[in-house]
């Protein structure tokens, strides 16, 4: 993963510093969820649904007041 250094990947306690690190953190969290629930359509669908709701919530909380 060229957008995040190997050292930063190992340090899960840090706050993301750029878009690549945000992407990595979200993807790692989704992969952990799928590993715990099992690789199935349902668990993948759970992740996609959560991503969509998180996107809408972030827009509501962050972008709307800015506009």
N, C-alpha and C. Protein backbone atom coordinates (compact mmCIF):
# COMPACT_ATOMS: atom_id res chain seq x y z
N UNK A 1 0.83 -1.17 0.00
CA UNK A 1 0.00 0.00 0.00
C UNK A 1 0.88 1.24 0.00
N UNK A 2 1.07 1.82 -1.15
CA UNK A 2 2.00 2.94 -1.28
C UNK A 2 1.54 4.22 -0.59
N UNK A 3 0.25 4.35 -0.28
CA UNK A 3 -0.25 5.58 0.30
C UNK A 3 -0.07 5.67 1.80
N UNK A 4 0.45 4.63 2.43
CA UNK A 4 0.70 4.65 3.88
C UNK A 4 1.97 3.85 4.16
N UNK A 5 2.84 4.43 4.94
CA UNK A 5 4.11 3.77 5.22
C UNK A 5 3.90 2.52 6.07
N UNK A 6 4.82 1.60 5.99
CA UNK A 6 4.76 0.37 6.76
C UNK A 6 4.70 0.67 8.26
N UNK A 7 5.44 1.67 8.70
CA UNK A 7 5.45 2.04 10.12
C UNK A 7 4.08 2.54 10.56
N UNK A 8 3.45 3.36 9.72
CA UNK A 8 2.13 3.91 10.06
C UNK A 8 1.08 2.79 10.08
N UNK A 9 1.23 1.77 9.25
CA UNK A 9 0.28 0.66 9.24
C UNK A 9 0.34 -0.10 10.56
N UNK A 10 1.49 -0.17 11.15
CA UNK A 10 1.67 -0.92 12.39
C UNK A 10 1.14 -0.16 13.60
N UNK A 11 1.03 1.16 13.50
CA UNK A 11 0.63 2.00 14.63
C UNK A 11 -0.86 2.30 14.53
N UNK A 12 -1.69 1.43 15.08
CA UNK A 12 -3.15 1.57 14.97
C UNK A 12 -3.70 2.68 15.86
N UNK A 13 -2.91 3.17 16.80
CA UNK A 13 -3.40 4.16 17.76
C UNK A 13 -3.36 5.58 17.21
N UNK A 14 -2.68 5.82 16.10
CA UNK A 14 -2.54 7.18 15.60
C UNK A 14 -3.78 7.63 14.82
N UNK A 15 -4.00 8.93 14.79
CA UNK A 15 -5.08 9.49 13.98
C UNK A 15 -4.60 9.59 12.53
N UNK A 16 -5.46 9.28 11.57
CA UNK A 16 -5.06 9.39 10.16
C UNK A 16 -4.59 10.81 9.83
N UNK A 17 -3.53 10.90 9.02
CA UNK A 17 -2.94 12.18 8.67
C UNK A 17 -3.22 12.61 7.24
N UNK A 18 -3.80 11.71 6.43
CA UNK A 18 -4.12 12.05 5.04
C UNK A 18 -5.20 11.09 4.54
N UNK A 19 -5.67 11.34 3.32
CA UNK A 19 -6.76 10.53 2.77
C UNK A 19 -6.38 9.05 2.65
N UNK A 20 -5.13 8.77 2.30
CA UNK A 20 -4.68 7.39 2.20
C UNK A 20 -4.77 6.66 3.53
N UNK A 21 -4.41 7.34 4.59
CA UNK A 21 -4.47 6.73 5.91
C UNK A 21 -5.91 6.54 6.38
N UNK A 22 -6.80 7.47 6.01
CA UNK A 22 -8.22 7.28 6.32
C UNK A 22 -8.73 6.04 5.59
N UNK A 23 -8.40 5.93 4.32
CA UNK A 23 -8.81 4.78 3.51
C UNK A 23 -8.29 3.49 4.13
N UNK A 24 -7.02 3.48 4.52
CA UNK A 24 -6.43 2.29 5.11
C UNK A 24 -7.14 1.90 6.41
N UNK A 25 -7.42 2.89 7.27
CA UNK A 25 -8.07 2.61 8.55
C UNK A 25 -9.47 2.04 8.35
N UNK A 26 -10.22 2.61 7.43
CA UNK A 26 -11.57 2.12 7.15
C UNK A 26 -11.51 0.71 6.58
N UNK A 27 -10.64 0.49 5.62
CA UNK A 27 -10.52 -0.83 5.01
C UNK A 27 -10.10 -1.88 6.02
N UNK A 28 -9.15 -1.54 6.89
CA UNK A 28 -8.71 -2.48 7.92
C UNK A 28 -9.86 -2.84 8.85
N UNK A 29 -10.66 -1.85 9.21
CA UNK A 29 -11.81 -2.09 10.08
C UNK A 29 -12.83 -3.00 9.41
N UNK A 30 -13.10 -2.75 8.13
CA UNK A 30 -14.05 -3.59 7.40
C UNK A 30 -13.53 -5.02 7.25
N UNK A 31 -12.25 -5.16 6.96
CA UNK A 31 -11.66 -6.51 6.84
C UNK A 31 -11.74 -7.26 8.17
N UNK A 32 -11.52 -6.57 9.27
CA UNK A 32 -11.62 -7.18 10.59
C UNK A 32 -13.06 -7.65 10.84
N UNK A 33 -14.02 -6.82 10.48
CA UNK A 33 -15.43 -7.19 10.65
C UNK A 33 -15.75 -8.44 9.84
N UNK A 34 -15.35 -8.45 8.57
CA UNK A 34 -15.64 -9.60 7.70
C UNK A 34 -14.94 -10.86 8.21
N UNK A 35 -13.71 -10.73 8.71
CA UNK A 35 -13.02 -11.90 9.29
C UNK A 35 -13.79 -12.43 10.49
N UNK A 36 -14.34 -11.54 11.32
CA UNK A 36 -15.03 -12.00 12.52
C UNK A 36 -16.40 -12.59 12.21
N UNK A 37 -17.07 -12.08 11.18
CA UNK A 37 -18.41 -12.54 10.83
C UNK A 37 -18.40 -13.66 9.79
N UNK A 38 -17.30 -13.77 9.07
CA UNK A 38 -17.22 -14.76 8.00
C UNK A 38 -17.41 -14.08 6.66
N UNK A 39 -16.76 -14.64 5.66
CA UNK A 39 -16.80 -14.10 4.31
C UNK A 39 -18.11 -14.52 3.66
N UNK A 40 -19.08 -13.63 3.64
CA UNK A 40 -20.37 -13.94 3.05
C UNK A 40 -20.97 -12.68 2.43
N UNK A 41 -21.98 -12.89 1.61
CA UNK A 41 -22.66 -11.75 1.01
C UNK A 41 -23.22 -10.84 2.11
N UNK A 42 -23.78 -11.44 3.16
CA UNK A 42 -24.39 -10.66 4.24
C UNK A 42 -23.37 -9.75 4.93
N UNK A 43 -22.19 -10.27 5.24
CA UNK A 43 -21.19 -9.45 5.93
C UNK A 43 -20.65 -8.35 5.02
N UNK A 44 -20.49 -8.67 3.74
CA UNK A 44 -20.05 -7.65 2.78
C UNK A 44 -21.14 -6.58 2.64
N UNK A 45 -22.39 -7.00 2.57
CA UNK A 45 -23.50 -6.07 2.48
C UNK A 45 -23.58 -5.19 3.73
N UNK A 46 -23.34 -5.77 4.90
CA UNK A 46 -23.29 -4.97 6.14
C UNK A 46 -22.26 -3.85 6.02
N UNK A 47 -21.10 -4.18 5.50
CA UNK A 47 -20.03 -3.19 5.36
C UNK A 47 -20.40 -2.08 4.38
N UNK A 48 -20.95 -2.46 3.24
CA UNK A 48 -21.33 -1.46 2.24
C UNK A 48 -22.42 -0.55 2.80
N UNK A 49 -23.38 -1.12 3.50
CA UNK A 49 -24.44 -0.33 4.12
C UNK A 49 -23.89 0.62 5.17
N UNK A 50 -22.98 0.13 5.99
CA UNK A 50 -22.37 0.99 7.01
C UNK A 50 -21.56 2.12 6.39
N UNK A 51 -20.85 1.82 5.31
CA UNK A 51 -20.09 2.86 4.61
C UNK A 51 -21.01 3.94 4.06
N UNK A 52 -22.10 3.53 3.46
CA UNK A 52 -23.05 4.49 2.89
C UNK A 52 -23.65 5.37 3.99
N UNK A 53 -24.05 4.78 5.10
CA UNK A 53 -24.62 5.56 6.20
C UNK A 53 -23.57 6.48 6.82
N UNK A 54 -22.34 6.00 6.93
CA UNK A 54 -21.27 6.84 7.47
C UNK A 54 -21.00 8.02 6.55
N UNK A 55 -21.05 7.79 5.25
CA UNK A 55 -20.86 8.87 4.28
C UNK A 55 -21.94 9.93 4.45
N UNK A 56 -23.18 9.50 4.55
CA UNK A 56 -24.29 10.45 4.71
C UNK A 56 -24.20 11.20 6.03
N UNK A 57 -23.83 10.51 7.09
CA UNK A 57 -23.70 11.15 8.40
C UNK A 57 -22.55 12.16 8.40
N UNK A 58 -21.43 11.80 7.76
CA UNK A 58 -20.30 12.73 7.68
C UNK A 58 -20.70 13.97 6.89
N UNK A 59 -21.43 13.78 5.82
CA UNK A 59 -21.89 14.93 5.03
C UNK A 59 -22.77 15.82 5.88
N UNK A 60 -23.73 15.22 6.60
CA UNK A 60 -24.65 15.99 7.43
C UNK A 60 -23.93 16.76 8.53
N UNK A 61 -22.98 16.12 9.18
CA UNK A 61 -22.29 16.76 10.31
C UNK A 61 -21.18 17.72 9.91
N UNK A 62 -20.51 17.43 8.80
CA UNK A 62 -19.32 18.20 8.43
C UNK A 62 -19.59 19.17 7.28
N UNK A 63 -20.16 18.67 6.19
CA UNK A 63 -20.31 19.51 5.01
C UNK A 63 -21.48 20.48 5.11
N UNK A 64 -22.62 20.02 5.64
CA UNK A 64 -23.79 20.88 5.68
C UNK A 64 -23.53 22.16 6.48
N UNK A 65 -22.97 22.08 7.69
CA UNK A 65 -22.70 23.34 8.41
C UNK A 65 -21.71 24.25 7.67
N UNK A 66 -20.78 23.65 6.95
CA UNK A 66 -19.80 24.41 6.20
C UNK A 66 -20.45 25.19 5.06
N UNK A 67 -21.46 24.58 4.44
CA UNK A 67 -22.13 25.21 3.32
C UNK A 67 -22.94 26.39 3.81
